[in-house]
C-alpha cells in the first residue's frame, strides 16, 4: 500500500504541474486548443471539435519530458 500512496501523490503532483503549465501558457498568449490544425465544425444542431494540432504539440512535449526523465533515472 505504501507504493500505491507514493504513486498517487506523484500523479497528483504531475497533474498540478500540468495545470500550472496550461495556465501559464494561456496567460502568455499560447492558444492551446486553438492552434492551426485544430478542426472544428458546426452544423445546425451539432458541433464537432478535434484538436489535432494541440494533440501533436502535447505529444512531442510529453515525449521529450518522459525521455529526459528516463535518461535521468539510468
N, C-alpha and C. Protein backbone atom coordinates (compact mmCIF):
# COMPACT_ATOMS: atom_id res chain seq x y z
N UNK A 1 0.81 -1.19 0.00
CA UNK A 1 0.00 0.00 0.00
C UNK A 1 0.86 1.26 0.00
N UNK A 2 2.05 1.16 0.53
CA UNK A 2 2.94 2.32 0.58
C UNK A 2 3.30 2.79 -0.82
N UNK A 3 3.52 1.84 -1.74
CA UNK A 3 3.86 2.20 -3.12
C UNK A 3 2.68 2.87 -3.83
N UNK A 4 1.47 2.41 -3.54
CA UNK A 4 0.28 3.00 -4.15
C UNK A 4 0.12 4.45 -3.71
N UNK A 5 0.36 4.71 -2.45
CA UNK A 5 0.26 6.08 -1.94
C UNK A 5 1.27 7.00 -2.61
N UNK A 6 2.48 6.53 -2.76
CA UNK A 6 3.51 7.33 -3.43
C UNK A 6 3.16 7.57 -4.89
N UNK A 7 2.61 6.56 -5.55
CA UNK A 7 2.20 6.71 -6.94
C UNK A 7 1.10 7.76 -7.07
N UNK A 8 0.12 7.71 -6.19
CA UNK A 8 -0.97 8.68 -6.24
C UNK A 8 -0.48 10.10 -5.96
N UNK A 9 0.43 10.25 -5.02
CA UNK A 9 1.00 11.57 -4.74
C UNK A 9 1.78 12.07 -5.95
N UNK A 10 2.55 11.20 -6.57
CA UNK A 10 3.31 11.58 -7.75
C UNK A 10 2.40 11.99 -8.91
N UNK A 11 1.33 11.23 -9.12
CA UNK A 11 0.39 11.58 -10.18
C UNK A 11 -0.31 12.91 -9.88
N UNK A 12 -0.62 13.13 -8.62
CA UNK A 12 -1.24 14.40 -8.23
C UNK A 12 -0.32 15.58 -8.47
N UNK A 13 0.95 15.41 -8.15
CA UNK A 13 1.92 16.49 -8.40
C UNK A 13 2.11 16.72 -9.89
N UNK A 14 2.09 15.64 -10.67
CA UNK A 14 2.20 15.77 -12.11
C UNK A 14 1.01 16.53 -12.70
N UNK A 15 -0.19 16.22 -12.22
CA UNK A 15 -1.38 16.93 -12.68
C UNK A 15 -1.34 18.40 -12.27
N UNK A 16 -0.86 18.67 -11.07
CA UNK A 16 -0.72 20.05 -10.61
C UNK A 16 0.24 20.82 -11.49
N UNK A 17 1.38 20.21 -11.81
CA UNK A 17 2.37 20.86 -12.67
C UNK A 17 1.79 21.09 -14.07
N UNK A 18 1.07 20.11 -14.61
CA UNK A 18 0.47 20.26 -15.93
C UNK A 18 -0.56 21.38 -15.94
N UNK A 19 -1.35 21.47 -14.89
CA UNK A 19 -2.33 22.54 -14.80
C UNK A 19 -1.68 23.91 -14.73
N UNK A 20 -0.60 24.02 -13.98
CA UNK A 20 0.10 25.29 -13.88
C UNK A 20 0.71 25.68 -15.23
N UNK A 21 1.25 24.71 -15.95
CA UNK A 21 1.83 24.99 -17.27
C UNK A 21 0.76 25.48 -18.23
N UNK A 22 -0.41 24.84 -18.21
CA UNK A 22 -1.50 25.25 -19.10
C UNK A 22 -1.96 26.66 -18.75
N UNK A 23 -2.07 26.97 -17.47
CA UNK A 23 -2.46 28.33 -17.07
C UNK A 23 -1.42 29.36 -17.50
N UNK A 24 -0.16 29.05 -17.31
CA UNK A 24 0.90 29.99 -17.70
C UNK A 24 0.95 30.18 -19.21
N UNK A 25 0.77 29.10 -19.96
CA UNK A 25 0.76 29.22 -21.41
C UNK A 25 -0.44 30.06 -21.89
N UNK A 26 -1.57 29.92 -21.22
CA UNK A 26 -2.74 30.72 -21.56
C UNK A 26 -2.51 32.20 -21.31
N UNK A 27 -1.84 32.50 -20.20
CA UNK A 27 -1.54 33.90 -19.89
C UNK A 27 -0.46 34.47 -20.80
N UNK A 28 0.41 33.60 -21.32
CA UNK A 28 1.47 34.04 -22.21
C UNK A 28 0.98 34.20 -23.65
N UNK A 29 -0.28 33.84 -23.90
CA UNK A 29 -0.84 34.03 -25.23
C UNK A 29 -0.74 32.83 -26.14
N UNK A 30 -0.30 31.68 -25.62
CA UNK A 30 -0.23 30.46 -26.44
C UNK A 30 -1.64 29.86 -26.47
N UNK A 31 -2.24 29.80 -27.65
CA UNK A 31 -3.66 29.39 -27.73
C UNK A 31 -3.85 27.87 -27.78
N UNK A 32 -3.51 27.18 -26.71
CA UNK A 32 -3.75 25.73 -26.69
C UNK A 32 -5.23 25.46 -26.93
N UNK A 33 -5.53 24.59 -27.86
CA UNK A 33 -6.91 24.31 -28.22
C UNK A 33 -7.38 25.14 -29.41
N UNK A 34 -6.59 26.11 -29.81
CA UNK A 34 -6.94 26.94 -30.96
C UNK A 34 -5.74 27.10 -31.90
N UNK A 35 -4.91 26.08 -31.96
CA UNK A 35 -3.74 26.11 -32.81
C UNK A 35 -4.12 25.78 -34.25
N UNK A 36 -3.26 26.14 -35.22
CA UNK A 36 -3.51 25.69 -36.59
C UNK A 36 -3.52 24.16 -36.63
N UNK A 37 -4.46 23.60 -37.30
CA UNK A 37 -4.61 22.15 -37.34
C UNK A 37 -5.67 21.65 -36.39
N UNK A 38 -6.22 22.51 -35.55
CA UNK A 38 -7.34 22.14 -34.69
C UNK A 38 -8.62 22.33 -35.50
N UNK A 39 -9.35 21.26 -35.70
CA UNK A 39 -10.52 21.29 -36.56
C UNK A 39 -11.79 21.48 -35.74
N UNK A 40 -12.67 22.33 -36.23
CA UNK A 40 -13.98 22.46 -35.62
C UNK A 40 -15.01 22.59 -36.73
N UNK A 41 -16.13 21.97 -36.53
CA UNK A 41 -17.21 22.01 -37.49
C UNK A 41 -18.51 22.22 -36.73
N UNK A 42 -19.27 23.19 -37.15
CA UNK A 42 -20.54 23.48 -36.50
C UNK A 42 -21.65 23.30 -37.53
N UNK A 43 -22.54 22.41 -37.19
CA UNK A 43 -23.72 22.20 -38.02
C UNK A 43 -24.90 22.93 -37.39
N UNK A 44 -26.07 22.64 -37.91
CA UNK A 44 -27.26 23.31 -37.39
C UNK A 44 -27.56 22.88 -35.95
N UNK A 45 -27.37 21.60 -35.67
CA UNK A 45 -27.68 21.09 -34.33
C UNK A 45 -26.51 20.36 -33.66
N UNK A 46 -25.37 20.37 -34.30
CA UNK A 46 -24.22 19.65 -33.75
C UNK A 46 -22.95 20.49 -33.87
N UNK A 47 -22.00 20.15 -33.06
CA UNK A 47 -20.67 20.77 -33.14
C UNK A 47 -19.65 19.67 -32.89
N UNK A 48 -18.64 19.63 -33.74
CA UNK A 48 -17.57 18.64 -33.62
C UNK A 48 -16.26 19.40 -33.53
N UNK A 49 -15.43 19.02 -32.57
CA UNK A 49 -14.14 19.68 -32.37
C UNK A 49 -13.08 18.62 -32.21
N UNK A 50 -12.01 18.70 -33.00
CA UNK A 50 -10.89 17.77 -32.88
C UNK A 50 -9.59 18.56 -32.86
N UNK A 51 -8.94 18.65 -31.71
CA UNK A 51 -7.71 19.46 -31.58
C UNK A 51 -6.46 18.71 -32.04
N UNK A 52 -6.35 18.45 -33.33
CA UNK A 52 -5.23 17.67 -33.87
C UNK A 52 -3.90 18.39 -33.65
N UNK A 53 -3.84 19.68 -33.94
CA UNK A 53 -2.60 20.44 -33.76
C UNK A 53 -2.14 20.45 -32.32
N UNK A 54 -3.09 20.66 -31.40
CA UNK A 54 -2.76 20.66 -29.98
C UNK A 54 -2.30 19.29 -29.53
N UNK A 55 -2.93 18.22 -30.02
CA UNK A 55 -2.53 16.86 -29.66
C UNK A 55 -1.10 16.56 -30.11
N UNK A 56 -0.75 17.02 -31.30
CA UNK A 56 0.62 16.78 -31.80
C UNK A 56 1.64 17.53 -30.96
N UNK A 57 1.35 18.79 -30.65
CA UNK A 57 2.28 19.58 -29.82
C UNK A 57 2.45 18.95 -28.44
N UNK A 58 1.34 18.57 -27.80
CA UNK A 58 1.43 17.95 -26.48
C UNK A 58 2.15 16.62 -26.54
N UNK A 59 1.95 15.85 -27.60
CA UNK A 59 2.63 14.57 -27.74
C UNK A 59 4.14 14.75 -27.83
N UNK A 60 4.58 15.72 -28.61
CA UNK A 60 6.02 15.98 -28.74
C UNK A 60 6.60 16.44 -27.41
N UNK A 61 5.91 17.35 -26.74
CA UNK A 61 6.41 17.87 -25.45
C UNK A 61 6.47 16.76 -24.41
N UNK A 62 5.42 15.96 -24.30
CA UNK A 62 5.43 14.88 -23.31
C UNK A 62 6.47 13.81 -23.65
N UNK A 63 6.67 13.52 -24.93
CA UNK A 63 7.71 12.57 -25.32
C UNK A 63 9.07 13.06 -24.87
N UNK A 64 9.36 14.34 -25.08
CA UNK A 64 10.64 14.90 -24.64
C UNK A 64 10.79 14.86 -23.12
N UNK A 65 9.73 15.20 -22.40
CA UNK A 65 9.79 15.20 -20.93
C UNK A 65 10.05 13.79 -20.42
N UNK A 66 9.30 12.80 -20.93
CA UNK A 66 9.49 11.44 -20.45
C UNK A 66 10.85 10.87 -20.87
N UNK A 67 11.35 11.27 -22.03
CA UNK A 67 12.67 10.83 -22.46
C UNK A 67 13.74 11.40 -21.52
N UNK A 68 13.62 12.66 -21.17
CA UNK A 68 14.58 13.29 -20.26
C UNK A 68 14.51 12.65 -18.88
N UNK A 69 13.29 12.42 -18.37
CA UNK A 69 13.14 11.79 -17.06
C UNK A 69 13.71 10.38 -17.09
N UNK A 70 13.49 9.65 -18.18
CA UNK A 70 14.04 8.29 -18.30
C UNK A 70 15.56 8.29 -18.32
N UNK A 71 16.14 9.29 -18.97
CA UNK A 71 17.61 9.38 -19.03
C UNK A 71 18.19 9.72 -17.66
N UNK A 72 17.46 10.49 -16.86
CA UNK A 72 17.96 10.88 -15.54
C UNK A 72 17.92 9.72 -14.56
N UNK A 73 17.03 8.76 -14.78
CA UNK A 73 16.90 7.64 -13.85
C UNK A 73 17.81 6.47 -14.16
N UNK A 74 18.61 6.57 -15.22
CA UNK A 74 19.54 5.47 -15.55
C UNK A 74 20.81 5.60 -14.78
